Protein backbone atom coordinates (compact mmCIF):
# COMPACT_ATOMS: atom_id res chain seq x y z
CA MET A 1 -20.07 0.92 -19.43
CA SER A 2 -16.39 1.76 -19.75
CA ASP A 3 -13.93 1.93 -16.91
CA LEU A 4 -13.00 5.29 -15.49
CA PRO A 5 -9.41 6.45 -16.06
CA VAL A 6 -6.91 5.31 -13.44
CA MET A 7 -4.27 7.65 -12.11
CA PRO A 8 -0.80 6.05 -12.22
CA SER A 9 0.86 5.66 -8.84
CA ALA A 10 4.33 4.30 -8.14
CA GLY A 11 4.00 3.77 -4.39
CA LEU A 12 6.80 3.37 -1.86
CA TYR A 13 7.38 -0.36 -2.23
CA THR A 14 9.10 -2.30 -4.97
CA VAL A 15 6.49 -4.86 -5.98
CA PRO A 16 7.43 -8.09 -7.84
CA ALA A 17 6.54 -8.06 -11.53
CA ALA A 18 3.26 -9.70 -12.48
CA GLY A 19 3.19 -13.01 -14.30
CA ALA A 20 1.04 -14.07 -17.24
CA ARG A 21 -2.72 -13.74 -16.88
CA ASP A 22 -5.01 -16.73 -17.32
CA PRO A 23 -7.19 -15.80 -20.33
CA ARG A 24 -10.18 -17.81 -19.08
CA PRO A 25 -12.86 -15.61 -17.47
CA GLY A 26 -14.23 -16.48 -14.06
CA LEU A 27 -17.70 -18.02 -14.00
CA ALA A 28 -18.71 -15.75 -11.11
CA GLY A 29 -18.39 -12.79 -13.46
CA LEU A 30 -21.06 -14.13 -15.84
CA GLU A 31 -24.80 -13.73 -15.63
CA PRO A 32 -26.80 -17.01 -15.71
CA SER A 33 -28.22 -15.96 -19.11
CA ALA A 34 -24.68 -15.79 -20.51
CA LEU A 35 -24.07 -19.36 -19.40
CA THR A 36 -27.32 -20.46 -20.98
CA ASP A 37 -26.35 -18.76 -24.25
CA TRP A 38 -22.94 -20.47 -24.16
CA MET A 39 -24.60 -23.86 -23.72
CA VAL A 40 -26.92 -23.32 -26.66
CA GLU A 41 -24.06 -22.11 -28.86
CA HIS A 42 -22.17 -25.31 -28.02
CA GLY A 43 -25.07 -27.61 -28.86
CA GLU A 44 -26.13 -28.22 -25.25
CA ARG A 45 -29.57 -27.91 -23.70
CA ALA A 46 -30.24 -24.49 -22.12
CA PHE A 47 -30.91 -25.96 -18.67
CA ARG A 48 -27.24 -26.94 -18.43
CA GLY A 49 -26.42 -23.24 -18.00
CA ARG A 50 -28.69 -23.13 -14.96
CA GLN A 51 -26.93 -26.21 -13.56
CA VAL A 52 -23.57 -24.48 -13.82
CA ALA A 53 -24.94 -21.29 -12.26
CA ASP A 54 -26.40 -23.31 -9.37
CA ALA A 55 -23.06 -25.04 -8.87
CA ILE A 56 -21.29 -21.68 -8.64
CA TRP A 57 -23.83 -19.73 -6.63
CA ALA A 58 -25.77 -22.24 -4.52
CA HIS A 59 -23.02 -24.79 -3.95
CA GLY A 60 -19.88 -22.65 -4.14
CA ALA A 61 -18.05 -24.84 -6.65
CA VAL A 62 -14.38 -23.94 -7.13
CA ASP A 63 -13.65 -26.61 -9.76
CA VAL A 64 -15.79 -27.34 -12.83
CA ALA A 65 -14.72 -30.99 -12.64
CA SER A 66 -16.59 -31.29 -9.33
CA VAL A 67 -19.98 -30.51 -10.94
CA GLN A 68 -21.10 -34.12 -11.18
CA THR A 69 -24.50 -33.23 -12.68
CA LEU A 70 -22.74 -32.36 -15.95
CA PRO A 71 -21.53 -34.87 -18.56
CA GLY A 72 -17.79 -35.43 -18.48
CA ALA A 73 -17.19 -33.98 -21.96
CA LEU A 74 -19.08 -30.80 -21.05
CA ARG A 75 -17.06 -30.42 -17.85
CA ARG A 76 -13.86 -30.62 -19.86
CA ASP A 77 -15.13 -28.02 -22.36
CA LEU A 78 -16.18 -25.68 -19.56
CA ALA A 79 -12.86 -26.05 -17.74
CA ALA A 80 -11.03 -25.20 -20.97
CA GLU A 81 -12.93 -21.91 -21.35
CA PHE A 82 -13.78 -20.78 -17.80
CA ARG A 83 -12.50 -20.83 -14.24
CA ALA A 84 -14.86 -21.70 -11.40
CA ASP A 85 -12.64 -19.73 -9.01
CA THR A 86 -10.11 -16.97 -9.75
CA LEU A 87 -8.37 -17.09 -6.35
CA VAL A 88 -5.34 -19.32 -6.87
CA GLU A 89 -4.21 -19.50 -3.24
CA THR A 90 -5.45 -18.06 0.05
CA VAL A 91 -3.76 -17.71 3.42
CA VAL A 92 -5.81 -16.67 6.46
CA ARG A 93 -4.81 -15.03 9.75
CA SER A 94 -7.13 -14.84 12.73
CA ALA A 95 -7.46 -12.27 15.53
CA ASP A 96 -9.85 -11.03 18.21
CA GLY A 97 -10.52 -14.53 19.44
CA GLY A 98 -11.55 -15.64 15.96
CA LEU A 99 -14.00 -12.77 15.42
CA THR A 100 -11.73 -11.21 12.77
CA GLU A 101 -10.03 -13.11 9.96
CA LYS A 102 -7.90 -11.64 7.19
CA ALA A 103 -7.24 -13.44 3.92
CA LEU A 104 -4.36 -12.84 1.53
CA HIS A 105 -5.46 -14.04 -1.90
CA ARG A 106 -3.00 -14.79 -4.70
CA LEU A 107 -4.38 -14.20 -8.20
CA ASP A 108 -3.32 -16.00 -11.39
CA ASP A 109 -0.63 -13.44 -12.25
CA GLY A 110 0.83 -13.49 -8.75
CA ARG A 111 -0.79 -10.23 -7.64
CA LEU A 112 -1.96 -10.22 -4.02
CA VAL A 113 -5.22 -8.80 -2.69
CA GLU A 114 -6.77 -8.91 0.73
CA SER A 115 -10.20 -9.42 2.21
CA VAL A 116 -11.38 -9.44 5.82
CA LEU A 117 -14.21 -11.23 7.61
CA MET A 118 -15.62 -9.55 10.72
CA ARG A 119 -17.96 -11.55 12.92
CA TYR A 120 -20.42 -9.81 15.22
CA PRO A 121 -22.00 -12.07 17.85
CA ALA A 122 -25.70 -11.75 18.65
CA ARG A 123 -26.39 -9.06 21.21
CA GLY A 124 -29.81 -8.40 22.73
CA ALA A 125 -32.38 -8.25 19.94
CA ARG A 126 -29.67 -7.98 17.29
CA ARG A 127 -28.90 -11.20 15.46
CA GLU A 128 -25.44 -12.57 14.71
CA ARG A 129 -23.82 -10.94 11.68
CA ALA A 130 -20.79 -11.56 9.48
CA THR A 131 -19.40 -8.88 7.17
CA ALA A 132 -16.84 -9.44 4.40
CA CYS A 133 -14.66 -6.49 3.39
CA ILE A 134 -13.44 -7.10 -0.17
CA SER A 135 -10.93 -5.51 -2.57
CA SER A 136 -11.56 -3.98 -5.99
CA GLN A 137 -7.97 -3.32 -7.11
CA ALA A 138 -4.51 -4.70 -6.48
CA GLY A 139 -2.90 -1.69 -4.85
CA CYS A 140 -4.46 1.77 -5.08
CA ALA A 141 -3.83 4.94 -7.09
CA VAL A 142 -5.28 7.42 -4.60
CA GLY A 143 -2.23 7.41 -2.33
CA CYS A 144 -3.72 8.39 1.04
CA PRO A 145 -0.61 8.65 3.24
CA PHE A 146 -2.13 6.84 6.25
CA CYS A 147 -3.11 3.77 4.18
CA ALA A 148 -0.85 0.76 3.62
CA THR A 149 -2.45 0.05 0.24
CA GLY A 150 -1.52 3.57 -0.85
CA GLU A 151 2.11 2.76 -0.04
CA LEU A 152 1.97 -0.09 -2.57
CA GLY A 153 0.76 2.14 -5.40
CA TYR A 154 -1.60 1.08 -8.17
CA LEU A 155 -0.96 -2.35 -9.73
CA ARG A 156 -4.14 -3.27 -11.62
CA ASP A 157 -7.93 -3.40 -11.54
CA LEU A 158 -9.60 -6.63 -10.50
CA GLU A 159 -11.95 -8.44 -12.84
CA THR A 160 -15.58 -8.83 -11.78
CA ALA A 161 -15.09 -12.51 -10.90
CA GLU A 162 -11.95 -11.73 -8.87
CA ILE A 163 -14.01 -9.31 -6.78
CA VAL A 164 -17.00 -11.63 -6.34
CA ASP A 165 -14.84 -14.68 -5.58
CA GLN A 166 -13.60 -13.00 -2.39
CA ALA A 167 -17.18 -12.91 -1.08
CA ARG A 168 -17.71 -16.48 -2.28
CA TYR A 169 -14.62 -17.54 -0.33
CA TRP A 170 -16.01 -16.19 2.94
CA ARG A 171 -19.46 -17.61 2.27
CA ARG A 172 -17.94 -21.11 1.90
CA ARG A 173 -15.87 -20.67 5.05
CA LEU A 174 -18.90 -19.56 7.06
CA ALA A 175 -21.12 -22.30 5.60
CA ALA A 176 -18.66 -24.89 6.91
CA GLU A 177 -19.42 -23.50 10.39
CA GLY A 178 -23.18 -23.48 9.83
CA ARG A 179 -23.18 -19.68 9.54
CA ARG A 180 -24.06 -17.22 6.80
CA LEU A 181 -22.53 -14.10 5.31
CA SER A 182 -24.83 -11.16 6.03
CA ASN A 183 -23.04 -8.13 4.54
CA VAL A 184 -20.38 -7.21 1.99
CA VAL A 185 -18.50 -3.90 1.99
CA PHE A 186 -16.24 -2.65 -0.81
CA MET A 187 -13.70 -1.19 1.59
CA GLY A 188 -10.67 -3.38 0.91
CA MET A 189 -7.69 -2.62 -1.31
CA GLY A 190 -8.23 -0.09 -4.07
CA GLU A 191 -10.64 2.72 -4.92
CA PRO A 192 -13.90 1.04 -6.02
CA LEU A 193 -15.08 3.89 -8.25
CA LEU A 194 -11.80 3.89 -10.20
CA ASN A 195 -12.89 0.38 -11.25
CA ALA A 196 -16.53 1.34 -11.40
CA ALA A 197 -17.81 -0.88 -14.22
CA ARG A 198 -16.51 -4.07 -12.63
CA VAL A 199 -17.43 -3.05 -9.09
CA LEU A 200 -21.02 -2.30 -10.11
CA ALA A 201 -21.19 -5.60 -12.00
CA ALA A 202 -19.88 -7.41 -8.92
CA ALA A 203 -22.35 -5.63 -6.65
CA GLU A 204 -25.17 -6.59 -9.00
CA ALA A 205 -24.07 -10.25 -8.88
CA LEU A 206 -23.90 -10.16 -5.08
CA ALA A 207 -27.36 -8.58 -4.80
CA ASP A 208 -29.06 -10.70 -7.48
CA PRO A 209 -31.38 -13.35 -5.93
CA ARG A 210 -30.54 -15.68 -8.87
CA ARG A 211 -26.86 -15.50 -8.00
CA PHE A 212 -25.28 -14.61 -4.63
CA GLY A 213 -28.62 -13.36 -3.32
CA LEU A 214 -27.34 -11.02 -0.62
CA GLY A 215 -29.69 -8.14 -1.43
CA ALA A 216 -28.70 -4.59 -2.30
CA ARG A 217 -29.31 -3.22 1.19
CA HIS A 218 -26.62 -5.53 2.55
CA ILE A 219 -23.92 -4.11 0.25
CA THR A 220 -21.82 -1.00 0.87
CA ILE A 221 -19.76 0.71 -1.83
CA SER A 222 -17.02 3.00 -0.55
CA THR A 223 -15.21 5.81 -2.34
CA SER A 224 -12.69 8.48 -1.49
CA GLY A 225 -14.55 10.83 -3.82
CA VAL A 226 -14.35 9.87 -7.51
CA VAL A 227 -16.84 12.34 -8.97
CA PRO A 228 -17.59 10.52 -12.28
CA GLY A 229 -18.34 7.34 -10.34
CA LEU A 230 -20.53 9.19 -7.87
CA GLU A 231 -22.42 10.80 -10.74
CA ARG A 232 -23.02 7.32 -12.16
CA LEU A 233 -24.34 6.08 -8.82
CA VAL A 234 -26.68 9.06 -8.51
CA ALA A 235 -28.03 8.37 -12.00
CA LEU A 236 -28.50 4.64 -11.33
CA ALA A 237 -29.81 5.13 -7.76
CA PRO A 238 -29.30 1.53 -6.61
CA SER A 239 -30.14 0.60 -3.03
CA TYR A 240 -26.54 0.07 -1.93
CA THR A 241 -25.19 1.98 1.04
CA LEU A 242 -22.70 4.65 0.00
CA ALA A 243 -19.68 5.24 2.22
CA VAL A 244 -17.45 8.25 1.57
CA SER A 245 -13.91 8.22 2.94
CA LEU A 246 -13.81 11.87 3.95
CA HIS A 247 -11.03 12.18 6.57
CA ALA A 248 -11.02 15.99 6.48
CA ALA A 249 -13.57 18.69 5.72
CA ARG A 250 -11.10 21.51 5.19
CA PRO A 251 -9.90 21.39 1.54
CA ALA A 252 -6.26 22.26 2.31
CA LEU A 253 -5.95 19.39 4.78
CA ARG A 254 -7.92 16.96 2.64
CA ASP A 255 -5.48 17.67 -0.21
CA VAL A 256 -2.83 16.11 2.05
CA LEU A 257 -4.84 13.22 3.47
CA VAL A 258 -6.81 12.33 0.30
CA PRO A 259 -4.78 13.53 -2.71
CA LEU A 260 -7.79 12.85 -4.96
CA ASN A 261 -9.28 16.01 -3.44
CA ARG A 262 -7.07 18.09 -5.73
CA ARG A 263 -8.99 16.69 -8.70
CA TYR A 264 -12.41 16.25 -7.11
CA PRO A 265 -13.01 18.88 -4.37
CA VAL A 266 -14.69 17.81 -1.17
CA GLU A 267 -17.66 20.17 -1.60
CA ARG A 268 -18.58 18.48 -4.91
CA VAL A 269 -18.10 15.01 -3.40
CA VAL A 270 -20.40 15.76 -0.45
CA ALA A 271 -23.01 17.38 -2.72
CA LEU A 272 -23.13 14.22 -4.85
CA ALA A 273 -23.31 12.01 -1.75
CA ASP A 274 -26.27 14.07 -0.57
CA ALA A 275 -27.88 13.71 -4.01
CA TYR A 276 -27.44 9.94 -3.76
CA ALA A 277 -29.09 9.89 -0.34
CA ARG A 278 -32.04 11.91 -1.65
CA ALA A 279 -32.37 9.71 -4.76
CA THR A 280 -32.29 6.42 -2.84
CA GLY A 281 -33.51 7.27 0.66
CA ARG A 282 -30.35 5.53 1.91
CA ARG A 283 -28.26 7.19 4.60
CA VAL A 284 -24.70 8.02 3.52
CA SER A 285 -21.86 6.93 5.77
CA TYR A 286 -18.91 9.34 6.09
CA GLU A 287 -15.72 7.63 7.23
CA VAL A 288 -13.13 9.73 9.09
CA VAL A 289 -9.82 8.22 10.17
CA LEU A 290 -8.57 10.42 13.01
CA ILE A 291 -4.84 11.13 13.30
CA ASP A 292 -3.35 12.61 16.44
CA GLY A 293 -2.71 16.33 16.03
CA ILE A 294 -3.52 16.32 12.31
CA ASN A 295 -7.26 16.17 11.69
CA ASP A 296 -8.72 15.70 15.19
CA THR A 297 -8.90 19.34 16.34
CA PRO A 298 -12.11 21.13 17.43
CA GLY A 299 -11.82 23.25 14.29
CA ASP A 300 -11.79 20.15 12.11
CA ALA A 301 -14.81 18.77 13.95
CA LEU A 302 -16.71 22.02 13.44
CA ALA A 303 -15.78 22.15 9.74
CA LEU A 304 -17.06 18.60 9.30
CA ALA A 305 -20.28 19.36 11.16
CA ASN A 306 -20.90 22.37 8.91
CA LEU A 307 -20.16 20.33 5.79
CA VAL A 308 -22.63 17.49 6.43
CA HIS A 309 -25.21 19.20 8.64
CA GLY A 310 -28.77 18.56 7.54
CA GLN A 311 -27.92 15.59 5.34
CA LEU A 312 -29.25 12.03 5.61
CA ALA A 313 -25.86 10.95 6.88
CA HIS A 314 -23.92 9.17 9.59
CA VAL A 315 -20.29 9.83 10.54
CA ASN A 316 -17.99 7.01 11.62
CA LEU A 317 -14.88 8.12 13.52
CA ILE A 318 -12.06 5.58 13.34
CA PRO A 319 -8.67 5.81 15.07
CA MET A 320 -5.87 5.53 12.54
CA ASN A 321 -4.40 2.06 12.14
CA PRO A 322 -0.62 2.62 12.42
CA VAL A 323 1.14 2.26 9.05
CA ALA A 324 4.79 1.27 8.85
CA HIS A 325 6.18 4.28 7.02
CA THR A 326 4.07 7.11 8.38
CA ALA A 327 5.13 8.96 11.52
CA TRP A 328 1.50 9.72 12.44
CA ARG A 329 -0.32 8.03 15.30
CA PRO A 330 -4.00 7.38 16.10
CA SER A 331 -5.96 9.95 18.04
CA ALA A 332 -6.34 9.27 21.76
CA PRO A 333 -9.77 8.05 22.94
CA ALA A 334 -10.45 11.37 24.69
CA ARG A 335 -9.83 13.32 21.46
CA LEU A 336 -12.07 10.93 19.54
CA GLU A 337 -14.91 11.49 22.00
CA ALA A 338 -14.40 15.25 22.05
CA PHE A 339 -14.55 15.28 18.23
CA ALA A 340 -17.73 13.19 18.34
CA ASP A 341 -19.31 15.56 20.89
CA VAL A 342 -18.89 18.52 18.51
CA LEU A 343 -20.63 16.60 15.72
CA ARG A 344 -23.44 15.36 17.94
CA SER A 345 -24.03 18.85 19.32
CA ALA A 346 -24.55 19.97 15.71
CA GLY A 347 -27.15 17.25 15.18
CA VAL A 348 -24.87 14.91 13.17
CA THR A 349 -25.34 11.23 14.04
CA THR A 350 -21.90 9.93 14.96
CA THR A 351 -20.32 6.63 16.02
CA VAL A 352 -16.80 6.10 17.38
CA ARG A 353 -15.47 2.84 15.95
CA GLN A 354 -12.75 0.60 17.29
CA ASN A 355 -10.11 -1.04 15.11
CA ARG A 356 -10.19 -4.81 14.81
CA GLY A 357 -7.47 -7.27 13.84
CA VAL A 358 -4.59 -4.89 14.61
CA GLU A 359 -2.27 -7.78 15.55
CA ILE A 360 -2.77 -9.46 12.15
CA GLY A 361 -2.38 -6.31 10.06
CA ALA A 362 -6.07 -6.06 9.22
CA ALA A 363 -5.71 -2.56 7.79
CA CYS A 364 -5.79 -2.51 3.98
CA GLY A 365 -2.58 -3.56 2.27
CA GLN A 366 -0.54 -4.58 5.30
CA LEU A 367 -0.27 -8.29 4.42
CA ALA A 368 0.36 -7.58 0.73
CA ALA A 369 3.09 -5.13 1.71
CA GLU A 370 4.88 -7.90 3.58
CA GLN A 371 5.45 -9.66 0.25
CA ALA A 372 7.06 -6.60 -1.37
CA THR A 373 10.54 -5.12 -0.98
CA SER A 374 10.49 -2.49 1.78
CA PRO A 375 11.31 1.07 0.71
CA SER A 376 14.73 2.50 1.43
CA SER A 377 15.26 4.54 4.57
CA ALA A 378 15.98 7.57 2.36
CA ALA A 379 12.61 7.21 0.61
CA VAL A 380 10.82 6.90 3.95
CA ALA A 381 12.66 9.96 5.30
CA ARG A 382 11.68 12.02 2.24
CA ARG A 383 8.07 10.91 2.68
CA HIS A 384 8.06 11.88 6.36
CA GLU A 385 9.52 15.30 5.52
CA LEU A 386 7.01 15.92 2.74
CA LEU A 387 4.03 14.92 4.89
CA ALA A 388 5.24 17.03 7.80
CA ARG A 389 5.66 20.08 5.56
CA ARG A 390 2.30 19.70 3.80
CA SER A 391 0.34 18.95 6.96
CA ALA A 392 1.96 21.89 8.78
CA ALA A 393 0.96 24.20 5.93
CA ALA A 394 -2.59 22.85 5.98
CA LEU A 395 -2.85 23.34 9.74
CA ARG A 396 -1.47 26.91 9.63
CA PRO A 397 -4.11 29.46 10.69
CA THR A 398 -5.59 31.42 7.78
């Protein structure tokens, strides 16, 4: 599989230049059979490959030298060719009384990516859960104007191991507390289906019982509507949950909120999501970030209801997480509920979500943006003017 083309995006921020990449691949990006083949090629017994895989997957090793079951010479050879962990440095912030934690991971070239852990205590018959939200790219090319990652612009795709190692990080952290990671969602920095080959390889590693062992039904892949990637998912029909970042049903407004809509129209995106649901029997999740006075009107709610009516689908309504250089604000609770009522009246299953980790910048890209040079006031003013003009045109009665 080849990667899908990435749209270049400059972003608002000035981001420090990347350093040299470490040429050694991450072990978490390899299948156990590849490790076995490597051992045989290097004159070792095949079972040594299984020992390394167990060290990575069952024991969470982050340093080949720590795998004491291997001979010293073999550990040195492995360390020369592979990395047991691709995350060079991680800083964590905590919020919501410890229920939400956000990690800022530094990669070998200095690029920064984020992941979030959300804990859900046991309630009634529902058991305790812990969900990791992980990144697939450093920055993002889609450029949604209410997203902090979009302000950074596209920097680079993550390797398979760099994606998986975020989930491994949270698994180790939870294991130290005697807890387990129950779900992984590809909803962090970046557009997963613009890095489709590596995202699907990472999801396979996370689901594989020989490796991370999470199970496909505990993995969610999100997209803002990359049609070639959706077509690939429909053809493969894995058991992952598909989440579509919709944000607007009316094409003119979605052009503003999700610029990718100009290339891949919303009607085609929703048709493919419906095809995925029919191929897999898995309910599609439509994510809608509601912005006060922009996309939270009764007309928008009715357009959304008409778009997804009759599908095996669920709509999540999420108040916008304020972003530094956007004048927009989150919809008020009353407007959220009124929007939800329209959808429910049309028979669309709907949930109103609450933001978590606001005080630690848990929205995508906010911590990474802190490490960049803030845009000039003139650039921010131009952005505000452009968004105001485009959104006003999209909201104009037709």
